[in-house]
């Protein structure tokens, strides 16, 4: 089951600061809903553990996060894939674009794609879609607060 989530976040921080935040494992960890650990393996690879509850299913996903198509400080693609044991798998990515709006404001646009399988996929597309949109929204709004705060 695949879905697309798009959005925009206005962040009260400079383009360089937002770019640095998008590449900082500590800030990403604090912004990802349910993230228990995020460890940098290289400049473009991280290992993650995320606990999510989707409907009646709560699962721990262990996976990899990779940064691709890097165009500092304007855009990149963040991709992740996690396995949640019997609950199934989740994989997806987001194309993230940053545009300066003055010296201290950045517009962050994202187009995320997600795909789930296993027991989670059996929950129904409406529940998966609403949960995915909520999680994406939480990530980008939390990230924006951390950057603008």
C-alpha atoms as a PDB file:
ATOM      1  CA  UNK A   1       0.000   0.000   0.000  1.00  0.00           C
ATOM      2  CA  UNK A   2       1.672   3.230  -1.146  1.00  0.00           C
ATOM      3  CA  UNK A   3       0.696   6.805  -0.371  1.00  0.00           C
ATOM      4  CA  UNK A   4       1.991  10.328  -0.940  1.00  0.00           C
ATOM      5  CA  UNK A   5       2.045  13.109   1.652  1.00  0.00           C
ATOM      6  CA  UNK A   6       2.945  16.690   0.771  1.00  0.00           C
ATOM      7  CA  UNK A   7       3.324  19.726   2.953  1.00  0.00           C
ATOM      8  CA  UNK A   8       5.119  22.919   3.758  1.00  0.00           C
ATOM      9  CA  UNK A   9       6.565  24.342   6.951  1.00  0.00           C
ATOM     10  CA  UNK A  10       7.654  27.948   7.516  1.00  0.00           C
ATOM     11  CA  UNK A  11      10.658  27.950   9.852  1.00  0.00           C
ATOM     12  CA  UNK A  12      11.989  31.011  11.678  1.00  0.00           C
ATOM     13  CA  UNK A  13      15.645  30.185  11.030  1.00  0.00           C
ATOM     14  CA  UNK A  14      18.216  30.781   8.305  1.00  0.00           C
ATOM     15  CA  UNK A  15      18.606  28.405   5.375  1.00  0.00           C
ATOM     16  CA  UNK A  16      22.027  27.259   6.655  1.00  0.00           C
ATOM     17  CA  UNK A  17      20.688  26.550  10.150  1.00  0.00           C
ATOM     18  CA  UNK A  18      17.753  24.516   8.790  1.00  0.00           C
ATOM     19  CA  UNK A  19      20.091  22.571   6.461  1.00  0.00           C
ATOM     20  CA  UNK A  20      22.400  21.805   9.394  1.00  0.00           C
ATOM     21  CA  UNK A  21      19.390  20.604  11.427  1.00  0.00           C
ATOM     22  CA  UNK A  22      18.258  18.285   8.642  1.00  0.00           C
ATOM     23  CA  UNK A  23      21.676  16.628   8.827  1.00  0.00           C
ATOM     24  CA  UNK A  24      21.938  16.488  12.639  1.00  0.00           C
ATOM     25  CA  UNK A  25      21.040  13.036  14.065  1.00  0.00           C
ATOM     26  CA  UNK A  26      20.151  14.508  17.477  1.00  0.00           C
ATOM     27  CA  UNK A  27      17.660  16.996  16.030  1.00  0.00           C
ATOM     28  CA  UNK A  28      16.222  14.370  13.662  1.00  0.00           C
ATOM     29  CA  UNK A  29      15.846  11.901  16.565  1.00  0.00           C
ATOM     30  CA  UNK A  30      13.943  14.478  18.634  1.00  0.00           C
ATOM     31  CA  UNK A  31      11.716  15.298  15.632  1.00  0.00           C
ATOM     32  CA  UNK A  32      10.819  11.767  14.472  1.00  0.00           C
ATOM     33  CA  UNK A  33       7.682  10.580  16.330  1.00  0.00           C
ATOM     34  CA  UNK A  34       8.461   7.470  18.405  1.00  0.00           C
ATOM     35  CA  UNK A  35      12.192   7.533  17.633  1.00  0.00           C
ATOM     36  CA  UNK A  36      14.137   5.701  20.352  1.00  0.00           C
ATOM     37  CA  UNK A  37      17.575   5.847  18.729  1.00  0.00           C
ATOM     38  CA  UNK A  38      19.228   7.339  15.664  1.00  0.00           C
ATOM     39  CA  UNK A  39      22.923   6.708  15.179  1.00  0.00           C
ATOM     40  CA  UNK A  40      25.051   8.201  12.439  1.00  0.00           C
ATOM     41  CA  UNK A  41      26.972   5.526  10.524  1.00  0.00           C
ATOM     42  CA  UNK A  42      28.379   7.870   7.863  1.00  0.00           C
ATOM     43  CA  UNK A  43      27.610  11.311   6.437  1.00  0.00           C
ATOM     44  CA  UNK A  44      24.682   9.809   4.537  1.00  0.00           C
ATOM     45  CA  UNK A  45      23.623   6.754   6.582  1.00  0.00           C
ATOM     46  CA  UNK A  46      21.985   6.313   9.982  1.00  0.00           C
ATOM     47  CA  UNK A  47      20.528   3.384  11.916  1.00  0.00           C
ATOM     48  CA  UNK A  48      17.164   3.992  13.593  1.00  0.00           C
ATOM     49  CA  UNK A  49      14.797   2.370  16.079  1.00  0.00           C
ATOM     50  CA  UNK A  50      11.248   3.734  16.063  1.00  0.00           C
ATOM     51  CA  UNK A  51       8.223   2.606  18.095  1.00  0.00           C
ATOM     52  CA  UNK A  52       4.883   3.334  16.437  1.00  0.00           C
ATOM     53  CA  UNK A  53       1.272   2.599  17.257  1.00  0.00           C
ATOM     54  CA  UNK A  54      -1.012   2.369  14.251  1.00  0.00           C
ATOM     55  CA  UNK A  55      -4.551   1.509  15.254  1.00  0.00           C
ATOM     56  CA  UNK A  56      -4.387  -1.549  17.527  1.00  0.00           C
ATOM     57  CA  UNK A  57      -0.848  -2.500  16.450  1.00  0.00           C
ATOM     58  CA  UNK A  58       2.200  -1.230  18.318  1.00  0.00           C
ATOM     59  CA  UNK A  59       5.505  -2.215  16.769  1.00  0.00           C
ATOM     60  CA  UNK A  60       9.200  -1.476  17.059  1.00  0.00           C
ATOM     61  CA  UNK A  61      10.826  -0.856  13.708  1.00  0.00           C
ATOM     62  CA  UNK A  62      14.567  -1.274  13.259  1.00  0.00           C
ATOM     63  CA  UNK A  63      15.923   0.174  10.081  1.00  0.00           C
ATOM     64  CA  UNK A  64      18.205   2.322   8.037  1.00  0.00           C
ATOM     65  CA  UNK A  65      17.942   5.971   7.041  1.00  0.00           C
ATOM     66  CA  UNK A  66      19.849   7.173   3.973  1.00  0.00           C
ATOM     67  CA  UNK A  67      20.358  10.694   2.629  1.00  0.00           C
ATOM     68  CA  UNK A  68      20.523  10.938  -1.186  1.00  0.00           C
ATOM     69  CA  UNK A  69      20.467  13.541  -3.964  1.00  0.00           C
ATOM     70  CA  UNK A  70      22.269  16.008  -1.716  1.00  0.00           C
ATOM     71  CA  UNK A  71      22.226  19.589  -2.994  1.00  0.00           C
ATOM     72  CA  UNK A  72      23.442  21.616   0.039  1.00  0.00           C
ATOM     73  CA  UNK A  73      21.861  23.751   1.412  1.00  0.00           C
ATOM     74  CA  UNK A  74      18.774  23.530  -0.819  1.00  0.00           C
ATOM     75  CA  UNK A  75      17.490  19.954  -1.068  1.00  0.00           C
ATOM     76  CA  UNK A  76      17.913  16.272  -0.411  1.00  0.00           C
ATOM     77  CA  UNK A  77      16.028  13.009  -0.336  1.00  0.00           C
ATOM     78  CA  UNK A  78      15.751  11.162   2.953  1.00  0.00           C
ATOM     79  CA  UNK A  79      14.858   7.469   2.646  1.00  0.00           C
ATOM     80  CA  UNK A  80      14.147   4.939   5.337  1.00  0.00           C
ATOM     81  CA  UNK A  81      13.178   1.330   5.645  1.00  0.00           C
ATOM     82  CA  UNK A  82      12.214  -0.476   8.815  1.00  0.00           C
ATOM     83  CA  UNK A  83      11.178  -3.966   9.755  1.00  0.00           C
ATOM     84  CA  UNK A  84       8.671  -4.413  12.561  1.00  0.00           C
ATOM     85  CA  UNK A  85       8.783  -8.191  12.909  1.00  0.00           C
ATOM     86  CA  UNK A  86       5.323  -9.769  12.782  1.00  0.00           C
ATOM     87  CA  UNK A  87       3.717  -6.329  12.375  1.00  0.00           C
ATOM     88  CA  UNK A  88       5.282  -5.948   8.936  1.00  0.00           C
ATOM     89  CA  UNK A  89       7.470  -3.366   7.302  1.00  0.00           C
ATOM     90  CA  UNK A  90       7.427   0.312   6.466  1.00  0.00           C
ATOM     91  CA  UNK A  91       9.560   2.091   3.936  1.00  0.00           C
ATOM     92  CA  UNK A  92       9.470   5.492   2.450  1.00  0.00           C
ATOM     93  CA  UNK A  93      11.209   8.690   1.711  1.00  0.00           C
ATOM     94  CA  UNK A  94      10.770  12.393   1.367  1.00  0.00           C
ATOM     95  CA  UNK A  95      12.106  14.920  -1.090  1.00  0.00           C
ATOM     96  CA  UNK A  96      12.870  17.982   1.015  1.00  0.00           C
ATOM     97  CA  UNK A  97      13.416  21.433  -0.525  1.00  0.00           C
ATOM     98  CA  UNK A  98      14.533  24.552   1.338  1.00  0.00           C
ATOM     99  CA  UNK A  99      13.972  28.086   0.089  1.00  0.00           C
ATOM    100  CA  UNK A 100      15.151  31.220   1.883  1.00  0.00           C
ATOM    101  CA  UNK A 101      12.422  33.769   2.583  1.00  0.00           C
ATOM    102  CA  UNK A 102      14.522  36.659   3.841  1.00  0.00           C
ATOM    103  CA  UNK A 103      17.569  36.285   6.091  1.00  0.00           C
ATOM    104  CA  UNK A 104      15.942  34.466   9.007  1.00  0.00           C
ATOM    105  CA  UNK A 105      13.068  32.479   7.515  1.00  0.00           C
ATOM    106  CA  UNK A 106      13.129  29.273   5.501  1.00  0.00           C
ATOM    107  CA  UNK A 107      10.304  27.556   3.638  1.00  0.00           C
ATOM    108  CA  UNK A 108      10.656  23.779   3.909  1.00  0.00           C
ATOM    109  CA  UNK A 109       8.583  21.827   1.370  1.00  0.00           C
ATOM    110  CA  UNK A 110       8.297  18.067   1.420  1.00  0.00           C
ATOM    111  CA  UNK A 111       6.818  15.346  -0.744  1.00  0.00           C
ATOM    112  CA  UNK A 112       6.890  12.062   1.139  1.00  0.00           C
ATOM    113  CA  UNK A 113       6.065   8.588  -0.103  1.00  0.00           C
ATOM    114  CA  UNK A 114       5.361   5.673   2.207  1.00  0.00           C
ATOM    115  CA  UNK A 115       4.751   1.992   1.632  1.00  0.00           C
ATOM    116  CA  UNK A 116       3.698  -0.534   4.268  1.00  0.00           C
ATOM    117  CA  UNK A 117       3.206  -4.279   4.239  1.00  0.00           C
ATOM    118  CA  UNK A 118       2.354  -7.143   6.559  1.00  0.00           C
ATOM    119  CA  UNK A 119      -0.200  -6.890   9.377  1.00  0.00           C
ATOM    120  CA  UNK A 120      -0.048  -3.096   9.331  1.00  0.00           C
ATOM    121  CA  UNK A 121      -1.207  -3.007   5.698  1.00  0.00           C
ATOM    122  CA  UNK A 122      -4.296  -5.002   6.686  1.00  0.00           C
ATOM    123  CA  UNK A 123      -5.533  -2.161   8.921  1.00  0.00           C
ATOM    124  CA  UNK A 124      -7.058  -0.336   5.980  1.00  0.00           C
ATOM    125  CA  UNK A 125      -5.919   2.467   3.766  1.00  0.00           C
ATOM    126  CA  UNK A 126      -7.809   5.256   5.569  1.00  0.00           C
ATOM    127  CA  UNK A 127      -6.223   4.490   8.952  1.00  0.00           C
ATOM    128  CA  UNK A 128      -2.754   4.114   7.414  1.00  0.00           C
ATOM    129  CA  UNK A 129      -3.122   7.318   5.396  1.00  0.00           C
ATOM    130  CA  UNK A 130      -4.408   9.424   8.299  1.00  0.00           C
ATOM    131  CA  UNK A 131      -1.710   8.058  10.635  1.00  0.00           C
ATOM    132  CA  UNK A 132       1.025   8.656   8.039  1.00  0.00           C
ATOM    133  CA  UNK A 133      -0.133  12.228   7.433  1.00  0.00           C
ATOM    134  CA  UNK A 134      -0.267  12.842  11.183  1.00  0.00           C
ATOM    135  CA  UNK A 135       3.264  11.448  11.699  1.00  0.00           C
ATOM    136  CA  UNK A 136       4.703  13.453   8.784  1.00  0.00           C
ATOM    137  CA  UNK A 137       3.006  16.594  10.083  1.00  0.00           C
ATOM    138  CA  UNK A 138       4.329  15.949  13.608  1.00  0.00           C
ATOM    139  CA  UNK A 139       7.868  15.438  12.321  1.00  0.00           C
ATOM    140  CA  UNK A 140       7.984  18.634  10.269  1.00  0.00           C
ATOM    141  CA  UNK A 141       6.222  20.823  12.850  1.00  0.00           C
ATOM    142  CA  UNK A 142       8.468  19.524  15.681  1.00  0.00           C
ATOM    143  CA  UNK A 143      11.521  20.031  13.456  1.00  0.00           C
ATOM    144  CA  UNK A 144      10.344  23.561  12.659  1.00  0.00           C
ATOM    145  CA  UNK A 145       9.867  24.368  16.369  1.00  0.00           C
ATOM    146  CA  UNK A 146      13.351  23.049  17.210  1.00  0.00           C
ATOM    147  CA  UNK A 147      14.928  25.106  14.443  1.00  0.00           C
ATOM    148  CA  UNK A 148      12.944  28.270  15.117  1.00  0.00           C
ATOM    149  CA  UNK A 149      13.153  28.076  18.891  1.00  0.00           C
END
